[in-house]
Amino acid sequence: MGQAWTVAHDEFPFQDICLLTAKSWLKSNEALRQAFPMLDLFNNPAWNVMLDLYIALKEHRAICVSSACIASGAASTTALRYLSALADAGLLVRIPDKHDRRKTYVELSTRGKFGVECAITAACKADTKLGFCRSLVGKGVEGGFQMAQHRQPL
């Protein structure tokens, strides 16, 4: 095992923790959809798109509209409505392909990125209040992600 970083540490790799938290939340959302396939109650297409776009931003990947629709977990027409609502809210931007006018990419706006990172920061703070911390193990995000409980001295 490598060196561990925790949220409580002043020099923790915030961006790495944000990326891994977003990946974890996206996988959790998919697990809920698979656990309850007969119910659409646990699907949050807009949030799934935002998480997917955040991950793509951090990994320097471009996401086209059709891929964002798939990431939403919703039907294409529903996903397109969510993309429009996110764009109207200023949380994502559409970018036309320079070489293929039929293709459009989407990415988080600065406001959208800030919102995702605020949600992750709030989750980290809540974990800390509960006696847990998010930590990375190893030097890179591929090193792993752990939740550890730390007891406060009485």
C-alpha atoms as a PDB file:
ATOM      1  CA  MET A   1       0.000   0.000   0.000  1.00  0.00           C
ATOM      2  CA  GLY A   2       1.127   3.476  -0.767  1.00  0.00           C
ATOM      3  CA  GLN A   3       0.944   6.696   1.120  1.00  0.00           C
ATOM      4  CA  ALA A   4      -2.570   7.696   2.225  1.00  0.00           C
ATOM      5  CA  TRP A   5      -4.070  11.175   1.982  1.00  0.00           C
ATOM      6  CA  THR A   6      -7.147  12.248   3.857  1.00  0.00           C
ATOM      7  CA  VAL A   7      -9.543  15.138   3.597  1.00  0.00           C
ATOM      8  CA  ALA A   8      -8.433  16.337   7.011  1.00  0.00           C
ATOM      9  CA  HIS A   9      -4.863  16.881   5.770  1.00  0.00           C
ATOM     10  CA  ASP A  10      -4.019  20.401   4.553  1.00  0.00           C
ATOM     11  CA  GLU A  11      -2.301  19.195   1.388  1.00  0.00           C
ATOM     12  CA  PHE A  12      -4.716  16.479   0.268  1.00  0.00           C
ATOM     13  CA  PRO A  13      -5.143  16.079  -3.491  1.00  0.00           C
ATOM     14  CA  PHE A  14      -8.573  17.704  -3.720  1.00  0.00           C
ATOM     15  CA  GLN A  15      -8.940  17.096  -7.459  1.00  0.00           C
ATOM     16  CA  ASP A  16      -8.137  13.386  -7.092  1.00  0.00           C
ATOM     17  CA  ILE A  17     -10.674  12.987  -4.295  1.00  0.00           C
ATOM     18  CA  CYS A  18     -13.284  14.848  -6.357  1.00  0.00           C
ATOM     19  CA  LEU A  19     -12.665  12.631  -9.384  1.00  0.00           C
ATOM     20  CA  LEU A  20     -12.892   9.403  -7.400  1.00  0.00           C
ATOM     21  CA  THR A  21     -15.962  10.565  -5.494  1.00  0.00           C
ATOM     22  CA  ALA A  22     -17.716  11.411  -8.777  1.00  0.00           C
ATOM     23  CA  LYS A  23     -16.823   7.964 -10.162  1.00  0.00           C
ATOM     24  CA  SER A  24     -18.053   6.314  -6.973  1.00  0.00           C
ATOM     25  CA  TRP A  25     -21.357   8.218  -7.045  1.00  0.00           C
ATOM     26  CA  LEU A  26     -21.913   7.361 -10.708  1.00  0.00           C
ATOM     27  CA  LYS A  27     -21.299   3.660 -10.012  1.00  0.00           C
ATOM     28  CA  SER A  28     -23.618   3.823  -6.989  1.00  0.00           C
ATOM     29  CA  ASN A  29     -26.359   5.351  -9.133  1.00  0.00           C
ATOM     30  CA  GLU A  30     -25.948   2.523 -11.666  1.00  0.00           C
ATOM     31  CA  ALA A  31     -26.049  -0.064  -8.868  1.00  0.00           C
ATOM     32  CA  LEU A  32     -29.344   1.401  -7.618  1.00  0.00           C
ATOM     33  CA  ARG A  33     -30.835   1.276 -11.118  1.00  0.00           C
ATOM     34  CA  GLN A  34     -29.772  -2.365 -11.451  1.00  0.00           C
ATOM     35  CA  ALA A  35     -30.987  -3.326  -7.971  1.00  0.00           C
ATOM     36  CA  PHE A  36     -34.441  -1.867  -8.631  1.00  0.00           C
ATOM     37  CA  PRO A  37     -34.981  -2.191 -12.389  1.00  0.00           C
ATOM     38  CA  MET A  38     -38.766  -2.089 -12.059  1.00  0.00           C
ATOM     39  CA  LEU A  39     -38.661   1.321 -10.392  1.00  0.00           C
ATOM     40  CA  ASP A  40     -37.538   4.521 -12.023  1.00  0.00           C
ATOM     41  CA  LEU A  41     -37.498   6.254  -8.643  1.00  0.00           C
ATOM     42  CA  PHE A  42     -33.742   5.997  -8.150  1.00  0.00           C
ATOM     43  CA  ASN A  43     -32.705   7.405 -11.510  1.00  0.00           C
ATOM     44  CA  ASN A  44     -31.450  10.977 -11.615  1.00  0.00           C
ATOM     45  CA  PRO A  45     -30.535  11.621 -15.265  1.00  0.00           C
ATOM     46  CA  ALA A  46     -29.402  15.226 -14.807  1.00  0.00           C
ATOM     47  CA  TRP A  47     -27.053  14.354 -11.946  1.00  0.00           C
ATOM     48  CA  ASN A  48     -25.712  11.324 -13.826  1.00  0.00           C
ATOM     49  CA  VAL A  49     -24.891  13.553 -16.809  1.00  0.00           C
ATOM     50  CA  MET A  50     -23.195  16.111 -14.586  1.00  0.00           C
ATOM     51  CA  LEU A  51     -21.093  13.439 -12.892  1.00  0.00           C
ATOM     52  CA  ASP A  52     -20.156  11.892 -16.242  1.00  0.00           C
ATOM     53  CA  LEU A  53     -19.185  15.282 -17.663  1.00  0.00           C
ATOM     54  CA  TYR A  54     -17.168  16.080 -14.533  1.00  0.00           C
ATOM     55  CA  ILE A  55     -15.259  12.815 -14.866  1.00  0.00           C
ATOM     56  CA  ALA A  56     -14.664  13.475 -18.570  1.00  0.00           C
ATOM     57  CA  LEU A  57     -13.412  16.995 -17.775  1.00  0.00           C
ATOM     58  CA  LYS A  58     -10.935  15.662 -15.226  1.00  0.00           C
ATOM     59  CA  GLU A  59      -9.795  12.915 -17.613  1.00  0.00           C
ATOM     60  CA  HIS A  60      -9.524  15.344 -20.560  1.00  0.00           C
ATOM     61  CA  ARG A  61     -12.099  13.463 -22.640  1.00  0.00           C
ATOM     62  CA  ALA A  62     -14.677  14.968 -24.967  1.00  0.00           C
ATOM     63  CA  ILE A  63     -18.285  13.788 -24.566  1.00  0.00           C
ATOM     64  CA  CYS A  64     -20.724  13.988 -27.471  1.00  0.00           C
ATOM     65  CA  VAL A  65     -24.445  14.462 -26.943  1.00  0.00           C
ATOM     66  CA  SER A  66     -25.248  10.811 -27.681  1.00  0.00           C
ATOM     67  CA  SER A  67     -22.730   9.625 -25.041  1.00  0.00           C
ATOM     68  CA  ALA A  68     -24.176  12.051 -22.505  1.00  0.00           C
ATOM     69  CA  CYS A  69     -27.638  10.635 -23.237  1.00  0.00           C
ATOM     70  CA  ILE A  70     -26.373   7.120 -22.542  1.00  0.00           C
ATOM     71  CA  ALA A  71     -24.714   8.277 -19.301  1.00  0.00           C
ATOM     72  CA  SER A  72     -28.001   9.738 -18.109  1.00  0.00           C
ATOM     73  CA  GLY A  73     -29.571   6.292 -17.869  1.00  0.00           C
ATOM     74  CA  ALA A  74     -32.765   7.667 -19.410  1.00  0.00           C
ATOM     75  CA  ALA A  75     -34.424   7.257 -22.777  1.00  0.00           C
ATOM     76  CA  SER A  76     -32.858   9.425 -25.497  1.00  0.00           C
ATOM     77  CA  THR A  77     -35.706  11.935 -25.727  1.00  0.00           C
ATOM     78  CA  THR A  78     -35.817  12.295 -21.943  1.00  0.00           C
ATOM     79  CA  ALA A  79     -32.036  12.643 -21.790  1.00  0.00           C
ATOM     80  CA  LEU A  80     -32.111  15.351 -24.467  1.00  0.00           C
ATOM     81  CA  ARG A  81     -34.664  17.288 -22.403  1.00  0.00           C
ATOM     82  CA  TYR A  82     -32.366  17.033 -19.383  1.00  0.00           C
ATOM     83  CA  LEU A  83     -29.394  18.236 -21.450  1.00  0.00           C
ATOM     84  CA  SER A  84     -31.445  21.226 -22.598  1.00  0.00           C
ATOM     85  CA  ALA A  85     -32.514  21.985 -19.020  1.00  0.00           C
ATOM     86  CA  LEU A  86     -28.891  21.780 -17.811  1.00  0.00           C
ATOM     87  CA  ALA A  87     -27.768  24.075 -20.635  1.00  0.00           C
ATOM     88  CA  ASP A  88     -30.607  26.521 -19.894  1.00  0.00           C
ATOM     89  CA  ALA A  89     -29.540  26.534 -16.222  1.00  0.00           C
ATOM     90  CA  GLY A  90     -25.982  27.379 -17.262  1.00  0.00           C
ATOM     91  CA  LEU A  91     -24.560  24.097 -15.948  1.00  0.00           C
ATOM     92  CA  LEU A  92     -23.309  22.753 -19.272  1.00  0.00           C
ATOM     93  CA  VAL A  93     -22.336  24.128 -22.635  1.00  0.00           C
ATOM     94  CA  ARG A  94     -22.763  22.697 -26.108  1.00  0.00           C
ATOM     95  CA  ILE A  95     -19.762  22.804 -28.426  1.00  0.00           C
ATOM     96  CA  PRO A  96     -20.183  22.103 -32.154  1.00  0.00           C
ATOM     97  CA  ASP A  97     -17.676  19.710 -33.715  1.00  0.00           C
ATOM     98  CA  LYS A  98     -15.213  21.679 -35.864  1.00  0.00           C
ATOM     99  CA  HIS A  99     -15.037  18.967 -38.521  1.00  0.00           C
ATOM    100  CA  ASP A 100     -18.496  17.386 -38.469  1.00  0.00           C
ATOM    101  CA  ARG A 101     -21.458  19.753 -38.246  1.00  0.00           C
ATOM    102  CA  ARG A 102     -23.760  16.849 -37.377  1.00  0.00           C
ATOM    103  CA  LYS A 103     -21.943  16.275 -34.092  1.00  0.00           C
ATOM    104  CA  THR A 104     -22.122  18.331 -30.901  1.00  0.00           C
ATOM    105  CA  TYR A 105     -20.140  17.927 -27.703  1.00  0.00           C
ATOM    106  CA  VAL A 106     -21.219  18.878 -24.212  1.00  0.00           C
ATOM    107  CA  GLU A 107     -19.115  19.843 -21.231  1.00  0.00           C
ATOM    108  CA  LEU A 108     -19.693  21.280 -17.800  1.00  0.00           C
ATOM    109  CA  SER A 109     -19.646  25.032 -17.545  1.00  0.00           C
ATOM    110  CA  THR A 110     -17.548  26.654 -14.838  1.00  0.00           C
ATOM    111  CA  ARG A 111     -20.738  26.906 -12.786  1.00  0.00           C
ATOM    112  CA  GLY A 112     -21.500  23.203 -13.321  1.00  0.00           C
ATOM    113  CA  LYS A 113     -17.975  22.164 -12.298  1.00  0.00           C
ATOM    114  CA  PHE A 114     -18.195  24.356  -9.209  1.00  0.00           C
ATOM    115  CA  GLY A 115     -21.552  22.805  -8.289  1.00  0.00           C
ATOM    116  CA  VAL A 116     -20.245  19.235  -8.515  1.00  0.00           C
ATOM    117  CA  GLU A 117     -17.193  20.135  -6.440  1.00  0.00           C
ATOM    118  CA  CYS A 118     -19.394  21.881  -3.848  1.00  0.00           C
ATOM    119  CA  ALA A 119     -21.508  18.723  -3.526  1.00  0.00           C
ATOM    120  CA  ILE A 120     -18.384  16.592  -3.077  1.00  0.00           C
ATOM    121  CA  THR A 121     -16.941  19.010  -0.522  1.00  0.00           C
ATOM    122  CA  ALA A 122     -20.223  18.951   1.414  1.00  0.00           C
ATOM    123  CA  ALA A 123     -20.153  15.137   1.403  1.00  0.00           C
ATOM    124  CA  CYS A 124     -16.575  15.157   2.697  1.00  0.00           C
ATOM    125  CA  LYS A 125     -17.511  17.576   5.486  1.00  0.00           C
ATOM    126  CA  ALA A 126     -20.515  15.449   6.437  1.00  0.00           C
ATOM    127  CA  ASP A 127     -18.297  12.354   6.505  1.00  0.00           C
ATOM    128  CA  THR A 128     -15.864  14.147   8.802  1.00  0.00           C
ATOM    129  CA  LYS A 129     -18.681  15.092  11.191  1.00  0.00           C
ATOM    130  CA  LEU A 130     -19.691  11.432  11.280  1.00  0.00           C
ATOM    131  CA  GLY A 131     -16.130  10.390  12.044  1.00  0.00           C
ATOM    132  CA  PHE A 132     -15.284   9.204   8.522  1.00  0.00           C
ATOM    133  CA  CYS A 133     -12.856  10.607   6.006  1.00  0.00           C
ATOM    134  CA  ARG A 134     -12.323  10.067   2.312  1.00  0.00           C
ATOM    135  CA  SER A 135      -8.786   9.084   1.500  1.00  0.00           C
ATOM    136  CA  LEU A 136      -6.720   8.106  -1.485  1.00  0.00           C
ATOM    137  CA  VAL A 137      -4.261   5.279  -1.290  1.00  0.00           C
ATOM    138  CA  GLY A 138      -1.284   5.495  -3.606  1.00  0.00           C
ATOM    139  CA  LYS A 139       0.092   8.315  -5.725  1.00  0.00           C
ATOM    140  CA  GLY A 140      -2.556   8.331  -8.474  1.00  0.00           C
ATOM    141  CA  VAL A 141      -6.303   8.099  -8.626  1.00  0.00           C
ATOM    142  CA  GLU A 142      -5.903   4.544  -9.859  1.00  0.00           C
ATOM    143  CA  GLY A 143      -4.310   3.791  -6.469  1.00  0.00           C
ATOM    144  CA  GLY A 144      -7.678   3.392  -4.791  1.00  0.00           C
ATOM    145  CA  PHE A 145     -10.278   5.116  -2.703  1.00  0.00           C
ATOM    146  CA  GLN A 146     -11.136   4.283   0.868  1.00  0.00           C
ATOM    147  CA  MET A 147     -13.536   5.401   3.524  1.00  0.00           C
ATOM    148  CA  ALA A 148     -12.070   5.060   6.999  1.00  0.00           C
ATOM    149  CA  GLN A 149     -13.645   5.705  10.337  1.00  0.00           C
ATOM    150  CA  HIS A 150     -11.588   7.747  12.737  1.00  0.00           C
ATOM    151  CA  ARG A 151     -12.701   7.918  16.325  1.00  0.00           C
ATOM    152  CA  GLN A 152     -12.304  11.230  18.051  1.00  0.00           C
ATOM    153  CA  PRO A 153     -10.731  11.024  21.514  1.00  0.00           C
ATOM    154  CA  LEU A 154     -13.288  11.567  24.271  1.00  0.00           C
END
